[in-house]
Amino acid sequence: VLCVFDLFLTFAVLRRLRENTAELD
């Protein structure tokens, strides 16, 4: 369960990084 939760958090962080990268560009 912790691994699945961590996987969802990782996907959320990656999505946010993509949004921020586009804004920084």
PDBML (XML) file of the C-alpha atoms, coordinates in Angstrom:
<?xml version="1.0" encoding="UTF-8" ?>
<PDBx:datablock datablockName="MODEL"
   xmlns:PDBx="http://pdbml.pdb.org/schema/pdbx-v50.xsd"
   xmlns:xsi="http://www.w3.org/2001/XMLSchema-instance"
   xsi:schemaLocation="http://pdbml.pdb.org/schema/pdbx-v50.xsd pdbx-v50.xsd">
   <PDBx:atom_siteCategory>
      <PDBx:atom_site id="1">
         <PDBx:B_iso_or_equiv>0.00</PDBx:B_iso_or_equiv>
         <PDBx:Cartn_x>0.000</PDBx:Cartn_x>
         <PDBx:Cartn_y>0.000</PDBx:Cartn_y>
         <PDBx:Cartn_z>0.000</PDBx:Cartn_z>
         <PDBx:auth_asym_id>A</PDBx:auth_asym_id>
         <PDBx:auth_atom_id>CA</PDBx:auth_atom_id>
         <PDBx:auth_comp_id>VAL</PDBx:auth_comp_id>
         <PDBx:auth_seq_id>1</PDBx:auth_seq_id>
         <PDBx:group_PDB>ATOM</PDBx:group_PDB>
         <PDBx:label_alt_id xsi:nil="true" />
         <PDBx:label_asym_id>A</PDBx:label_asym_id>
         <PDBx:label_atom_id>CA</PDBx:label_atom_id>
         <PDBx:label_comp_id>VAL</PDBx:label_comp_id>
         <PDBx:label_entity_id>1</PDBx:label_entity_id>
         <PDBx:label_seq_id>1</PDBx:label_seq_id>
         <PDBx:occupancy>1.00</PDBx:occupancy>
         <PDBx:pdbx_PDB_model_num>1</PDBx:pdbx_PDB_model_num>
         <PDBx:type_symbol>C</PDBx:type_symbol>
      </PDBx:atom_site>
      <PDBx:atom_site id="2">
         <PDBx:B_iso_or_equiv>0.00</PDBx:B_iso_or_equiv>
         <PDBx:Cartn_x>2.861</PDBx:Cartn_x>
         <PDBx:Cartn_y>2.375</PDBx:Cartn_y>
         <PDBx:Cartn_z>0.824</PDBx:Cartn_z>
         <PDBx:auth_asym_id>A</PDBx:auth_asym_id>
         <PDBx:auth_atom_id>CA</PDBx:auth_atom_id>
         <PDBx:auth_comp_id>LEU</PDBx:auth_comp_id>
         <PDBx:auth_seq_id>2</PDBx:auth_seq_id>
         <PDBx:group_PDB>ATOM</PDBx:group_PDB>
         <PDBx:label_alt_id xsi:nil="true" />
         <PDBx:label_asym_id>A</PDBx:label_asym_id>
         <PDBx:label_atom_id>CA</PDBx:label_atom_id>
         <PDBx:label_comp_id>LEU</PDBx:label_comp_id>
         <PDBx:label_entity_id>1</PDBx:label_entity_id>
         <PDBx:label_seq_id>2</PDBx:label_seq_id>
         <PDBx:occupancy>1.00</PDBx:occupancy>
         <PDBx:pdbx_PDB_model_num>1</PDBx:pdbx_PDB_model_num>
         <PDBx:type_symbol>C</PDBx:type_symbol>
      </PDBx:atom_site>
      <PDBx:atom_site id="3">
         <PDBx:B_iso_or_equiv>0.00</PDBx:B_iso_or_equiv>
         <PDBx:Cartn_x>4.486</PDBx:Cartn_x>
         <PDBx:Cartn_y>1.624</PDBx:Cartn_y>
         <PDBx:Cartn_z>-2.529</PDBx:Cartn_z>
         <PDBx:auth_asym_id>A</PDBx:auth_asym_id>
         <PDBx:auth_atom_id>CA</PDBx:auth_atom_id>
         <PDBx:auth_comp_id>CYS</PDBx:auth_comp_id>
         <PDBx:auth_seq_id>3</PDBx:auth_seq_id>
         <PDBx:group_PDB>ATOM</PDBx:group_PDB>
         <PDBx:label_alt_id xsi:nil="true" />
         <PDBx:label_asym_id>A</PDBx:label_asym_id>
         <PDBx:label_atom_id>CA</PDBx:label_atom_id>
         <PDBx:label_comp_id>CYS</PDBx:label_comp_id>
         <PDBx:label_entity_id>1</PDBx:label_entity_id>
         <PDBx:label_seq_id>3</PDBx:label_seq_id>
         <PDBx:occupancy>1.00</PDBx:occupancy>
         <PDBx:pdbx_PDB_model_num>1</PDBx:pdbx_PDB_model_num>
         <PDBx:type_symbol>C</PDBx:type_symbol>
      </PDBx:atom_site>
      <PDBx:atom_site id="4">
         <PDBx:B_iso_or_equiv>0.00</PDBx:B_iso_or_equiv>
         <PDBx:Cartn_x>1.238</PDBx:Cartn_x>
         <PDBx:Cartn_y>2.344</PDBx:Cartn_y>
         <PDBx:Cartn_z>-4.422</PDBx:Cartn_z>
         <PDBx:auth_asym_id>A</PDBx:auth_asym_id>
         <PDBx:auth_atom_id>CA</PDBx:auth_atom_id>
         <PDBx:auth_comp_id>VAL</PDBx:auth_comp_id>
         <PDBx:auth_seq_id>4</PDBx:auth_seq_id>
         <PDBx:group_PDB>ATOM</PDBx:group_PDB>
         <PDBx:label_alt_id xsi:nil="true" />
         <PDBx:label_asym_id>A</PDBx:label_asym_id>
         <PDBx:label_atom_id>CA</PDBx:label_atom_id>
         <PDBx:label_comp_id>VAL</PDBx:label_comp_id>
         <PDBx:label_entity_id>1</PDBx:label_entity_id>
         <PDBx:label_seq_id>4</PDBx:label_seq_id>
         <PDBx:occupancy>1.00</PDBx:occupancy>
         <PDBx:pdbx_PDB_model_num>1</PDBx:pdbx_PDB_model_num>
         <PDBx:type_symbol>C</PDBx:type_symbol>
      </PDBx:atom_site>
      <PDBx:atom_site id="5">
         <PDBx:B_iso_or_equiv>0.00</PDBx:B_iso_or_equiv>
         <PDBx:Cartn_x>0.785</PDBx:Cartn_x>
         <PDBx:Cartn_y>5.568</PDBx:Cartn_y>
         <PDBx:Cartn_z>-2.427</PDBx:Cartn_z>
         <PDBx:auth_asym_id>A</PDBx:auth_asym_id>
         <PDBx:auth_atom_id>CA</PDBx:auth_atom_id>
         <PDBx:auth_comp_id>PHE</PDBx:auth_comp_id>
         <PDBx:auth_seq_id>5</PDBx:auth_seq_id>
         <PDBx:group_PDB>ATOM</PDBx:group_PDB>
         <PDBx:label_alt_id xsi:nil="true" />
         <PDBx:label_asym_id>A</PDBx:label_asym_id>
         <PDBx:label_atom_id>CA</PDBx:label_atom_id>
         <PDBx:label_comp_id>PHE</PDBx:label_comp_id>
         <PDBx:label_entity_id>1</PDBx:label_entity_id>
         <PDBx:label_seq_id>5</PDBx:label_seq_id>
         <PDBx:occupancy>1.00</PDBx:occupancy>
         <PDBx:pdbx_PDB_model_num>1</PDBx:pdbx_PDB_model_num>
         <PDBx:type_symbol>C</PDBx:type_symbol>
      </PDBx:atom_site>
      <PDBx:atom_site id="6">
         <PDBx:B_iso_or_equiv>0.00</PDBx:B_iso_or_equiv>
         <PDBx:Cartn_x>4.375</PDBx:Cartn_x>
         <PDBx:Cartn_y>6.553</PDBx:Cartn_y>
         <PDBx:Cartn_z>-3.213</PDBx:Cartn_z>
         <PDBx:auth_asym_id>A</PDBx:auth_asym_id>
         <PDBx:auth_atom_id>CA</PDBx:auth_atom_id>
         <PDBx:auth_comp_id>ASP</PDBx:auth_comp_id>
         <PDBx:auth_seq_id>6</PDBx:auth_seq_id>
         <PDBx:group_PDB>ATOM</PDBx:group_PDB>
         <PDBx:label_alt_id xsi:nil="true" />
         <PDBx:label_asym_id>A</PDBx:label_asym_id>
         <PDBx:label_atom_id>CA</PDBx:label_atom_id>
         <PDBx:label_comp_id>ASP</PDBx:label_comp_id>
         <PDBx:label_entity_id>1</PDBx:label_entity_id>
         <PDBx:label_seq_id>6</PDBx:label_seq_id>
         <PDBx:occupancy>1.00</PDBx:occupancy>
         <PDBx:pdbx_PDB_model_num>1</PDBx:pdbx_PDB_model_num>
         <PDBx:type_symbol>C</PDBx:type_symbol>
      </PDBx:atom_site>
      <PDBx:atom_site id="7">
         <PDBx:B_iso_or_equiv>0.00</PDBx:B_iso_or_equiv>
         <PDBx:Cartn_x>3.772</PDBx:Cartn_x>
         <PDBx:Cartn_y>5.825</PDBx:Cartn_y>
         <PDBx:Cartn_z>-6.894</PDBx:Cartn_z>
         <PDBx:auth_asym_id>A</PDBx:auth_asym_id>
         <PDBx:auth_atom_id>CA</PDBx:auth_atom_id>
         <PDBx:auth_comp_id>LEU</PDBx:auth_comp_id>
         <PDBx:auth_seq_id>7</PDBx:auth_seq_id>
         <PDBx:group_PDB>ATOM</PDBx:group_PDB>
         <PDBx:label_alt_id xsi:nil="true" />
         <PDBx:label_asym_id>A</PDBx:label_asym_id>
         <PDBx:label_atom_id>CA</PDBx:label_atom_id>
         <PDBx:label_comp_id>LEU</PDBx:label_comp_id>
         <PDBx:label_entity_id>1</PDBx:label_entity_id>
         <PDBx:label_seq_id>7</PDBx:label_seq_id>
         <PDBx:occupancy>1.00</PDBx:occupancy>
         <PDBx:pdbx_PDB_model_num>1</PDBx:pdbx_PDB_model_num>
         <PDBx:type_symbol>C</PDBx:type_symbol>
      </PDBx:atom_site>
      <PDBx:atom_site id="8">
         <PDBx:B_iso_or_equiv>0.00</PDBx:B_iso_or_equiv>
         <PDBx:Cartn_x>0.758</PDBx:Cartn_x>
         <PDBx:Cartn_y>8.196</PDBx:Cartn_y>
         <PDBx:Cartn_z>-6.938</PDBx:Cartn_z>
         <PDBx:auth_asym_id>A</PDBx:auth_asym_id>
         <PDBx:auth_atom_id>CA</PDBx:auth_atom_id>
         <PDBx:auth_comp_id>PHE</PDBx:auth_comp_id>
         <PDBx:auth_seq_id>8</PDBx:auth_seq_id>
         <PDBx:group_PDB>ATOM</PDBx:group_PDB>
         <PDBx:label_alt_id xsi:nil="true" />
         <PDBx:label_asym_id>A</PDBx:label_asym_id>
         <PDBx:label_atom_id>CA</PDBx:label_atom_id>
         <PDBx:label_comp_id>PHE</PDBx:label_comp_id>
         <PDBx:label_entity_id>1</PDBx:label_entity_id>
         <PDBx:label_seq_id>8</PDBx:label_seq_id>
         <PDBx:occupancy>1.00</PDBx:occupancy>
         <PDBx:pdbx_PDB_model_num>1</PDBx:pdbx_PDB_model_num>
         <PDBx:type_symbol>C</PDBx:type_symbol>
      </PDBx:atom_site>
      <PDBx:atom_site id="9">
         <PDBx:B_iso_or_equiv>0.00</PDBx:B_iso_or_equiv>
         <PDBx:Cartn_x>2.783</PDBx:Cartn_x>
         <PDBx:Cartn_y>10.888</PDBx:Cartn_y>
         <PDBx:Cartn_z>-5.179</PDBx:Cartn_z>
         <PDBx:auth_asym_id>A</PDBx:auth_asym_id>
         <PDBx:auth_atom_id>CA</PDBx:auth_atom_id>
         <PDBx:auth_comp_id>LEU</PDBx:auth_comp_id>
         <PDBx:auth_seq_id>9</PDBx:auth_seq_id>
         <PDBx:group_PDB>ATOM</PDBx:group_PDB>
         <PDBx:label_alt_id xsi:nil="true" />
         <PDBx:label_asym_id>A</PDBx:label_asym_id>
         <PDBx:label_atom_id>CA</PDBx:label_atom_id>
         <PDBx:label_comp_id>LEU</PDBx:label_comp_id>
         <PDBx:label_entity_id>1</PDBx:label_entity_id>
         <PDBx:label_seq_id>9</PDBx:label_seq_id>
         <PDBx:occupancy>1.00</PDBx:occupancy>
         <PDBx:pdbx_PDB_model_num>1</PDBx:pdbx_PDB_model_num>
         <PDBx:type_symbol>C</PDBx:type_symbol>
      </PDBx:atom_site>
      <PDBx:atom_site id="10">
         <PDBx:B_iso_or_equiv>0.00</PDBx:B_iso_or_equiv>
         <PDBx:Cartn_x>5.587</PDBx:Cartn_x>
         <PDBx:Cartn_y>10.470</PDBx:Cartn_y>
         <PDBx:Cartn_z>-7.711</PDBx:Cartn_z>
         <PDBx:auth_asym_id>A</PDBx:auth_asym_id>
         <PDBx:auth_atom_id>CA</PDBx:auth_atom_id>
         <PDBx:auth_comp_id>THR</PDBx:auth_comp_id>
         <PDBx:auth_seq_id>10</PDBx:auth_seq_id>
         <PDBx:group_PDB>ATOM</PDBx:group_PDB>
         <PDBx:label_alt_id xsi:nil="true" />
         <PDBx:label_asym_id>A</PDBx:label_asym_id>
         <PDBx:label_atom_id>CA</PDBx:label_atom_id>
         <PDBx:label_comp_id>THR</PDBx:label_comp_id>
         <PDBx:label_entity_id>1</PDBx:label_entity_id>
         <PDBx:label_seq_id>10</PDBx:label_seq_id>
         <PDBx:occupancy>1.00</PDBx:occupancy>
         <PDBx:pdbx_PDB_model_num>1</PDBx:pdbx_PDB_model_num>
         <PDBx:type_symbol>C</PDBx:type_symbol>
      </PDBx:atom_site>
      <PDBx:atom_site id="11">
         <PDBx:B_iso_or_equiv>0.00</PDBx:B_iso_or_equiv>
         <PDBx:Cartn_x>3.141</PDBx:Cartn_x>
         <PDBx:Cartn_y>10.894</PDBx:Cartn_y>
         <PDBx:Cartn_z>-10.612</PDBx:Cartn_z>
         <PDBx:auth_asym_id>A</PDBx:auth_asym_id>
         <PDBx:auth_atom_id>CA</PDBx:auth_atom_id>
         <PDBx:auth_comp_id>PHE</PDBx:auth_comp_id>
         <PDBx:auth_seq_id>11</PDBx:auth_seq_id>
         <PDBx:group_PDB>ATOM</PDBx:group_PDB>
         <PDBx:label_alt_id xsi:nil="true" />
         <PDBx:label_asym_id>A</PDBx:label_asym_id>
         <PDBx:label_atom_id>CA</PDBx:label_atom_id>
         <PDBx:label_comp_id>PHE</PDBx:label_comp_id>
         <PDBx:label_entity_id>1</PDBx:label_entity_id>
         <PDBx:label_seq_id>11</PDBx:label_seq_id>
         <PDBx:occupancy>1.00</PDBx:occupancy>
         <PDBx:pdbx_PDB_model_num>1</PDBx:pdbx_PDB_model_num>
         <PDBx:type_symbol>C</PDBx:type_symbol>
      </PDBx:atom_site>
      <PDBx:atom_site id="12">
         <PDBx:B_iso_or_equiv>0.00</PDBx:B_iso_or_equiv>
         <PDBx:Cartn_x>1.682</PDBx:Cartn_x>
         <PDBx:Cartn_y>14.023</PDBx:Cartn_y>
         <PDBx:Cartn_z>-8.976</PDBx:Cartn_z>
         <PDBx:auth_asym_id>A</PDBx:auth_asym_id>
         <PDBx:auth_atom_id>CA</PDBx:auth_atom_id>
         <PDBx:auth_comp_id>ALA</PDBx:auth_comp_id>
         <PDBx:auth_seq_id>12</PDBx:auth_seq_id>
         <PDBx:group_PDB>ATOM</PDBx:group_PDB>
         <PDBx:label_alt_id xsi:nil="true" />
         <PDBx:label_asym_id>A</PDBx:label_asym_id>
         <PDBx:label_atom_id>CA</PDBx:label_atom_id>
         <PDBx:label_comp_id>ALA</PDBx:label_comp_id>
         <PDBx:label_entity_id>1</PDBx:label_entity_id>
         <PDBx:label_seq_id>12</PDBx:label_seq_id>
         <PDBx:occupancy>1.00</PDBx:occupancy>
         <PDBx:pdbx_PDB_model_num>1</PDBx:pdbx_PDB_model_num>
         <PDBx:type_symbol>C</PDBx:type_symbol>
      </PDBx:atom_site>
      <PDBx:atom_site id="13">
         <PDBx:B_iso_or_equiv>0.00</PDBx:B_iso_or_equiv>
         <PDBx:Cartn_x>5.161</PDBx:Cartn_x>
         <PDBx:Cartn_y>15.512</PDBx:Cartn_y>
         <PDBx:Cartn_z>-8.514</PDBx:Cartn_z>
         <PDBx:auth_asym_id>A</PDBx:auth_asym_id>
         <PDBx:auth_atom_id>CA</PDBx:auth_atom_id>
         <PDBx:auth_comp_id>VAL</PDBx:auth_comp_id>
         <PDBx:auth_seq_id>13</PDBx:auth_seq_id>
         <PDBx:group_PDB>ATOM</PDBx:group_PDB>
         <PDBx:label_alt_id xsi:nil="true" />
         <PDBx:label_asym_id>A</PDBx:label_asym_id>
         <PDBx:label_atom_id>CA</PDBx:label_atom_id>
         <PDBx:label_comp_id>VAL</PDBx:label_comp_id>
         <PDBx:label_entity_id>1</PDBx:label_entity_id>
         <PDBx:label_seq_id>13</PDBx:label_seq_id>
         <PDBx:occupancy>1.00</PDBx:occupancy>
         <PDBx:pdbx_PDB_model_num>1</PDBx:pdbx_PDB_model_num>
         <PDBx:type_symbol>C</PDBx:type_symbol>
      </PDBx:atom_site>
      <PDBx:atom_site id="14">
         <PDBx:B_iso_or_equiv>0.00</PDBx:B_iso_or_equiv>
         <PDBx:Cartn_x>6.107</PDBx:Cartn_x>
         <PDBx:Cartn_y>14.732</PDBx:Cartn_y>
         <PDBx:Cartn_z>-12.117</PDBx:Cartn_z>
         <PDBx:auth_asym_id>A</PDBx:auth_asym_id>
         <PDBx:auth_atom_id>CA</PDBx:auth_atom_id>
         <PDBx:auth_comp_id>LEU</PDBx:auth_comp_id>
         <PDBx:auth_seq_id>14</PDBx:auth_seq_id>
         <PDBx:group_PDB>ATOM</PDBx:group_PDB>
         <PDBx:label_alt_id xsi:nil="true" />
         <PDBx:label_asym_id>A</PDBx:label_asym_id>
         <PDBx:label_atom_id>CA</PDBx:label_atom_id>
         <PDBx:label_comp_id>LEU</PDBx:label_comp_id>
         <PDBx:label_entity_id>1</PDBx:label_entity_id>
         <PDBx:label_seq_id>14</PDBx:label_seq_id>
         <PDBx:occupancy>1.00</PDBx:occupancy>
         <PDBx:pdbx_PDB_model_num>1</PDBx:pdbx_PDB_model_num>
         <PDBx:type_symbol>C</PDBx:type_symbol>
      </PDBx:atom_site>
      <PDBx:atom_site id="15">
         <PDBx:B_iso_or_equiv>0.00</PDBx:B_iso_or_equiv>
         <PDBx:Cartn_x>2.928</PDBx:Cartn_x>
         <PDBx:Cartn_y>16.365</PDBx:Cartn_y>
         <PDBx:Cartn_z>-13.397</PDBx:Cartn_z>
         <PDBx:auth_asym_id>A</PDBx:auth_asym_id>
         <PDBx:auth_atom_id>CA</PDBx:auth_atom_id>
         <PDBx:auth_comp_id>ARG</PDBx:auth_comp_id>
         <PDBx:auth_seq_id>15</PDBx:auth_seq_id>
         <PDBx:group_PDB>ATOM</PDBx:group_PDB>
         <PDBx:label_alt_id xsi:nil="true" />
         <PDBx:label_asym_id>A</PDBx:label_asym_id>
         <PDBx:label_atom_id>CA</PDBx:label_atom_id>
         <PDBx:label_comp_id>ARG</PDBx:label_comp_id>
         <PDBx:label_entity_id>1</PDBx:label_entity_id>
         <PDBx:label_seq_id>15</PDBx:label_seq_id>
         <PDBx:occupancy>1.00</PDBx:occupancy>
         <PDBx:pdbx_PDB_model_num>1</PDBx:pdbx_PDB_model_num>
         <PDBx:type_symbol>C</PDBx:type_symbol>
      </PDBx:atom_site>
      <PDBx:atom_site id="16">
         <PDBx:B_iso_or_equiv>0.00</PDBx:B_iso_or_equiv>
         <PDBx:Cartn_x>3.628</PDBx:Cartn_x>
         <PDBx:Cartn_y>19.481</PDBx:Cartn_y>
         <PDBx:Cartn_z>-11.309</PDBx:Cartn_z>
         <PDBx:auth_asym_id>A</PDBx:auth_asym_id>
         <PDBx:auth_atom_id>CA</PDBx:auth_atom_id>
         <PDBx:auth_comp_id>ARG</PDBx:auth_comp_id>
         <PDBx:auth_seq_id>16</PDBx:auth_seq_id>
         <PDBx:group_PDB>ATOM</PDBx:group_PDB>
         <PDBx:label_alt_id xsi:nil="true" />
         <PDBx:label_asym_id>A</PDBx:label_asym_id>
         <PDBx:label_atom_id>CA</PDBx:label_atom_id>
         <PDBx:label_comp_id>ARG</PDBx:label_comp_id>
         <PDBx:label_entity_id>1</PDBx:label_entity_id>
         <PDBx:label_seq_id>16</PDBx:label_seq_id>
         <PDBx:occupancy>1.00</PDBx:occupancy>
         <PDBx:pdbx_PDB_model_num>1</PDBx:pdbx_PDB_model_num>
         <PDBx:type_symbol>C</PDBx:type_symbol>
      </PDBx:atom_site>
      <PDBx:atom_site id="17">
         <PDBx:B_iso_or_equiv>0.00</PDBx:B_iso_or_equiv>
         <PDBx:Cartn_x>7.229</PDBx:Cartn_x>
         <PDBx:Cartn_y>19.593</PDBx:Cartn_y>
         <PDBx:Cartn_z>-12.565</PDBx:Cartn_z>
         <PDBx:auth_asym_id>A</PDBx:auth_asym_id>
         <PDBx:auth_atom_id>CA</PDBx:auth_atom_id>
         <PDBx:auth_comp_id>LEU</PDBx:auth_comp_id>
         <PDBx:auth_seq_id>17</PDBx:auth_seq_id>
         <PDBx:group_PDB>ATOM</PDBx:group_PDB>
         <PDBx:label_alt_id xsi:nil="true" />
         <PDBx:label_asym_id>A</PDBx:label_asym_id>
         <PDBx:label_atom_id>CA</PDBx:label_atom_id>
         <PDBx:label_comp_id>LEU</PDBx:label_comp_id>
         <PDBx:label_entity_id>1</PDBx:label_entity_id>
         <PDBx:label_seq_id>17</PDBx:label_seq_id>
         <PDBx:occupancy>1.00</PDBx:occupancy>
         <PDBx:pdbx_PDB_model_num>1</PDBx:pdbx_PDB_model_num>
         <PDBx:type_symbol>C</PDBx:type_symbol>
      </PDBx:atom_site>
      <PDBx:atom_site id="18">
         <PDBx:B_iso_or_equiv>0.00</PDBx:B_iso_or_equiv>
         <PDBx:Cartn_x>6.002</PDBx:Cartn_x>
         <PDBx:Cartn_y>19.509</PDBx:Cartn_y>
         <PDBx:Cartn_z>-16.156</PDBx:Cartn_z>
         <PDBx:auth_asym_id>A</PDBx:auth_asym_id>
         <PDBx:auth_atom_id>CA</PDBx:auth_atom_id>
         <PDBx:auth_comp_id>ARG</PDBx:auth_comp_id>
         <PDBx:auth_seq_id>18</PDBx:auth_seq_id>
         <PDBx:group_PDB>ATOM</PDBx:group_PDB>
         <PDBx:label_alt_id xsi:nil="true" />
         <PDBx:label_asym_id>A</PDBx:label_asym_id>
         <PDBx:label_atom_id>CA</PDBx:label_atom_id>
         <PDBx:label_comp_id>ARG</PDBx:label_comp_id>
         <PDBx:label_entity_id>1</PDBx:label_entity_id>
         <PDBx:label_seq_id>18</PDBx:label_seq_id>
         <PDBx:occupancy>1.00</PDBx:occupancy>
         <PDBx:pdbx_PDB_model_num>1</PDBx:pdbx_PDB_model_num>
         <PDBx:type_symbol>C</PDBx:type_symbol>
      </PDBx:atom_site>
      <PDBx:atom_site id="19">
         <PDBx:B_iso_or_equiv>0.00</PDBx:B_iso_or_equiv>
         <PDBx:Cartn_x>3.620</PDBx:Cartn_x>
         <PDBx:Cartn_y>22.399</PDBx:Cartn_y>
         <PDBx:Cartn_z>-15.477</PDBx:Cartn_z>
         <PDBx:auth_asym_id>A</PDBx:auth_asym_id>
         <PDBx:auth_atom_id>CA</PDBx:auth_atom_id>
         <PDBx:auth_comp_id>GLU</PDBx:auth_comp_id>
         <PDBx:auth_seq_id>19</PDBx:auth_seq_id>
         <PDBx:group_PDB>ATOM</PDBx:group_PDB>
         <PDBx:label_alt_id xsi:nil="true" />
         <PDBx:label_asym_id>A</PDBx:label_asym_id>
         <PDBx:label_atom_id>CA</PDBx:label_atom_id>
         <PDBx:label_comp_id>GLU</PDBx:label_comp_id>
         <PDBx:label_entity_id>1</PDBx:label_entity_id>
         <PDBx:label_seq_id>19</PDBx:label_seq_id>
         <PDBx:occupancy>1.00</PDBx:occupancy>
         <PDBx:pdbx_PDB_model_num>1</PDBx:pdbx_PDB_model_num>
         <PDBx:type_symbol>C</PDBx:type_symbol>
      </PDBx:atom_site>
      <PDBx:atom_site id="20">
         <PDBx:B_iso_or_equiv>0.00</PDBx:B_iso_or_equiv>
         <PDBx:Cartn_x>6.314</PDBx:Cartn_x>
         <PDBx:Cartn_y>24.436</PDBx:Cartn_y>
         <PDBx:Cartn_z>-13.739</PDBx:Cartn_z>
         <PDBx:auth_asym_id>A</PDBx:auth_asym_id>
         <PDBx:auth_atom_id>CA</PDBx:auth_atom_id>
         <PDBx:auth_comp_id>ASN</PDBx:auth_comp_id>
         <PDBx:auth_seq_id>20</PDBx:auth_seq_id>
         <PDBx:group_PDB>ATOM</PDBx:group_PDB>
         <PDBx:label_alt_id xsi:nil="true" />
         <PDBx:label_asym_id>A</PDBx:label_asym_id>
         <PDBx:label_atom_id>CA</PDBx:label_atom_id>
         <PDBx:label_comp_id>ASN</PDBx:label_comp_id>
         <PDBx:label_entity_id>1</PDBx:label_entity_id>
         <PDBx:label_seq_id>20</PDBx:label_seq_id>
         <PDBx:occupancy>1.00</PDBx:occupancy>
         <PDBx:pdbx_PDB_model_num>1</PDBx:pdbx_PDB_model_num>
         <PDBx:type_symbol>C</PDBx:type_symbol>
      </PDBx:atom_site>
      <PDBx:atom_site id="21">
         <PDBx:B_iso_or_equiv>0.00</PDBx:B_iso_or_equiv>
         <PDBx:Cartn_x>8.854</PDBx:Cartn_x>
         <PDBx:Cartn_y>23.715</PDBx:Cartn_y>
         <PDBx:Cartn_z>-16.474</PDBx:Cartn_z>
         <PDBx:auth_asym_id>A</PDBx:auth_asym_id>
         <PDBx:auth_atom_id>CA</PDBx:auth_atom_id>
         <PDBx:auth_comp_id>THR</PDBx:auth_comp_id>
         <PDBx:auth_seq_id>21</PDBx:auth_seq_id>
         <PDBx:group_PDB>ATOM</PDBx:group_PDB>
         <PDBx:label_alt_id xsi:nil="true" />
         <PDBx:label_asym_id>A</PDBx:label_asym_id>
         <PDBx:label_atom_id>CA</PDBx:label_atom_id>
         <PDBx:label_comp_id>THR</PDBx:label_comp_id>
         <PDBx:label_entity_id>1</PDBx:label_entity_id>
         <PDBx:label_seq_id>21</PDBx:label_seq_id>
         <PDBx:occupancy>1.00</PDBx:occupancy>
         <PDBx:pdbx_PDB_model_num>1</PDBx:pdbx_PDB_model_num>
         <PDBx:type_symbol>C</PDBx:type_symbol>
      </PDBx:atom_site>
      <PDBx:atom_site id="22">
         <PDBx:B_iso_or_equiv>0.00</PDBx:B_iso_or_equiv>
         <PDBx:Cartn_x>6.445</PDBx:Cartn_x>
         <PDBx:Cartn_y>25.038</PDBx:Cartn_y>
         <PDBx:Cartn_z>-19.092</PDBx:Cartn_z>
         <PDBx:auth_asym_id>A</PDBx:auth_asym_id>
         <PDBx:auth_atom_id>CA</PDBx:auth_atom_id>
         <PDBx:auth_comp_id>ALA</PDBx:auth_comp_id>
         <PDBx:auth_seq_id>22</PDBx:auth_seq_id>
         <PDBx:group_PDB>ATOM</PDBx:group_PDB>
         <PDBx:label_alt_id xsi:nil="true" />
         <PDBx:label_asym_id>A</PDBx:label_asym_id>
         <PDBx:label_atom_id>CA</PDBx:label_atom_id>
         <PDBx:label_comp_id>ALA</PDBx:label_comp_id>
         <PDBx:label_entity_id>1</PDBx:label_entity_id>
         <PDBx:label_seq_id>22</PDBx:label_seq_id>
         <PDBx:occupancy>1.00</PDBx:occupancy>
         <PDBx:pdbx_PDB_model_num>1</PDBx:pdbx_PDB_model_num>
         <PDBx:type_symbol>C</PDBx:type_symbol>
      </PDBx:atom_site>
      <PDBx:atom_site id="23">
         <PDBx:B_iso_or_equiv>0.00</PDBx:B_iso_or_equiv>
         <PDBx:Cartn_x>5.880</PDBx:Cartn_x>
         <PDBx:Cartn_y>28.176</PDBx:Cartn_y>
         <PDBx:Cartn_z>-16.998</PDBx:Cartn_z>
         <PDBx:auth_asym_id>A</PDBx:auth_asym_id>
         <PDBx:auth_atom_id>CA</PDBx:auth_atom_id>
         <PDBx:auth_comp_id>GLU</PDBx:auth_comp_id>
         <PDBx:auth_seq_id>23</PDBx:auth_seq_id>
         <PDBx:group_PDB>ATOM</PDBx:group_PDB>
         <PDBx:label_alt_id xsi:nil="true" />
         <PDBx:label_asym_id>A</PDBx:label_asym_id>
         <PDBx:label_atom_id>CA</PDBx:label_atom_id>
         <PDBx:label_comp_id>GLU</PDBx:label_comp_id>
         <PDBx:label_entity_id>1</PDBx:label_entity_id>
         <PDBx:label_seq_id>23</PDBx:label_seq_id>
         <PDBx:occupancy>1.00</PDBx:occupancy>
         <PDBx:pdbx_PDB_model_num>1</PDBx:pdbx_PDB_model_num>
         <PDBx:type_symbol>C</PDBx:type_symbol>
      </PDBx:atom_site>
      <PDBx:atom_site id="24">
         <PDBx:B_iso_or_equiv>0.00</PDBx:B_iso_or_equiv>
         <PDBx:Cartn_x>9.625</PDBx:Cartn_x>
         <PDBx:Cartn_y>28.672</PDBx:Cartn_y>
         <PDBx:Cartn_z>-16.454</PDBx:Cartn_z>
         <PDBx:auth_asym_id>A</PDBx:auth_asym_id>
         <PDBx:auth_atom_id>CA</PDBx:auth_atom_id>
         <PDBx:auth_comp_id>LEU</PDBx:auth_comp_id>
         <PDBx:auth_seq_id>24</PDBx:auth_seq_id>
         <PDBx:group_PDB>ATOM</PDBx:group_PDB>
         <PDBx:label_alt_id xsi:nil="true" />
         <PDBx:label_asym_id>A</PDBx:label_asym_id>
         <PDBx:label_atom_id>CA</PDBx:label_atom_id>
         <PDBx:label_comp_id>LEU</PDBx:label_comp_id>
         <PDBx:label_entity_id>1</PDBx:label_entity_id>
         <PDBx:label_seq_id>24</PDBx:label_seq_id>
         <PDBx:occupancy>1.00</PDBx:occupancy>
         <PDBx:pdbx_PDB_model_num>1</PDBx:pdbx_PDB_model_num>
         <PDBx:type_symbol>C</PDBx:type_symbol>
      </PDBx:atom_site>
      <PDBx:atom_site id="25">
         <PDBx:B_iso_or_equiv>0.00</PDBx:B_iso_or_equiv>
         <PDBx:Cartn_x>10.263</PDBx:Cartn_x>
         <PDBx:Cartn_y>28.258</PDBx:Cartn_y>
         <PDBx:Cartn_z>-20.187</PDBx:Cartn_z>
         <PDBx:auth_asym_id>A</PDBx:auth_asym_id>
         <PDBx:auth_atom_id>CA</PDBx:auth_atom_id>
         <PDBx:auth_comp_id>ASP</PDBx:auth_comp_id>
         <PDBx:auth_seq_id>25</PDBx:auth_seq_id>
         <PDBx:group_PDB>ATOM</PDBx:group_PDB>
         <PDBx:label_alt_id xsi:nil="true" />
         <PDBx:label_asym_id>A</PDBx:label_asym_id>
         <PDBx:label_atom_id>CA</PDBx:label_atom_id>
         <PDBx:label_comp_id>ASP</PDBx:label_comp_id>
         <PDBx:label_entity_id>1</PDBx:label_entity_id>
         <PDBx:label_seq_id>25</PDBx:label_seq_id>
         <PDBx:occupancy>1.00</PDBx:occupancy>
         <PDBx:pdbx_PDB_model_num>1</PDBx:pdbx_PDB_model_num>
         <PDBx:type_symbol>C</PDBx:type_symbol>
      </PDBx:atom_site>
   </PDBx:atom_siteCategory>
</PDBx:datablock>
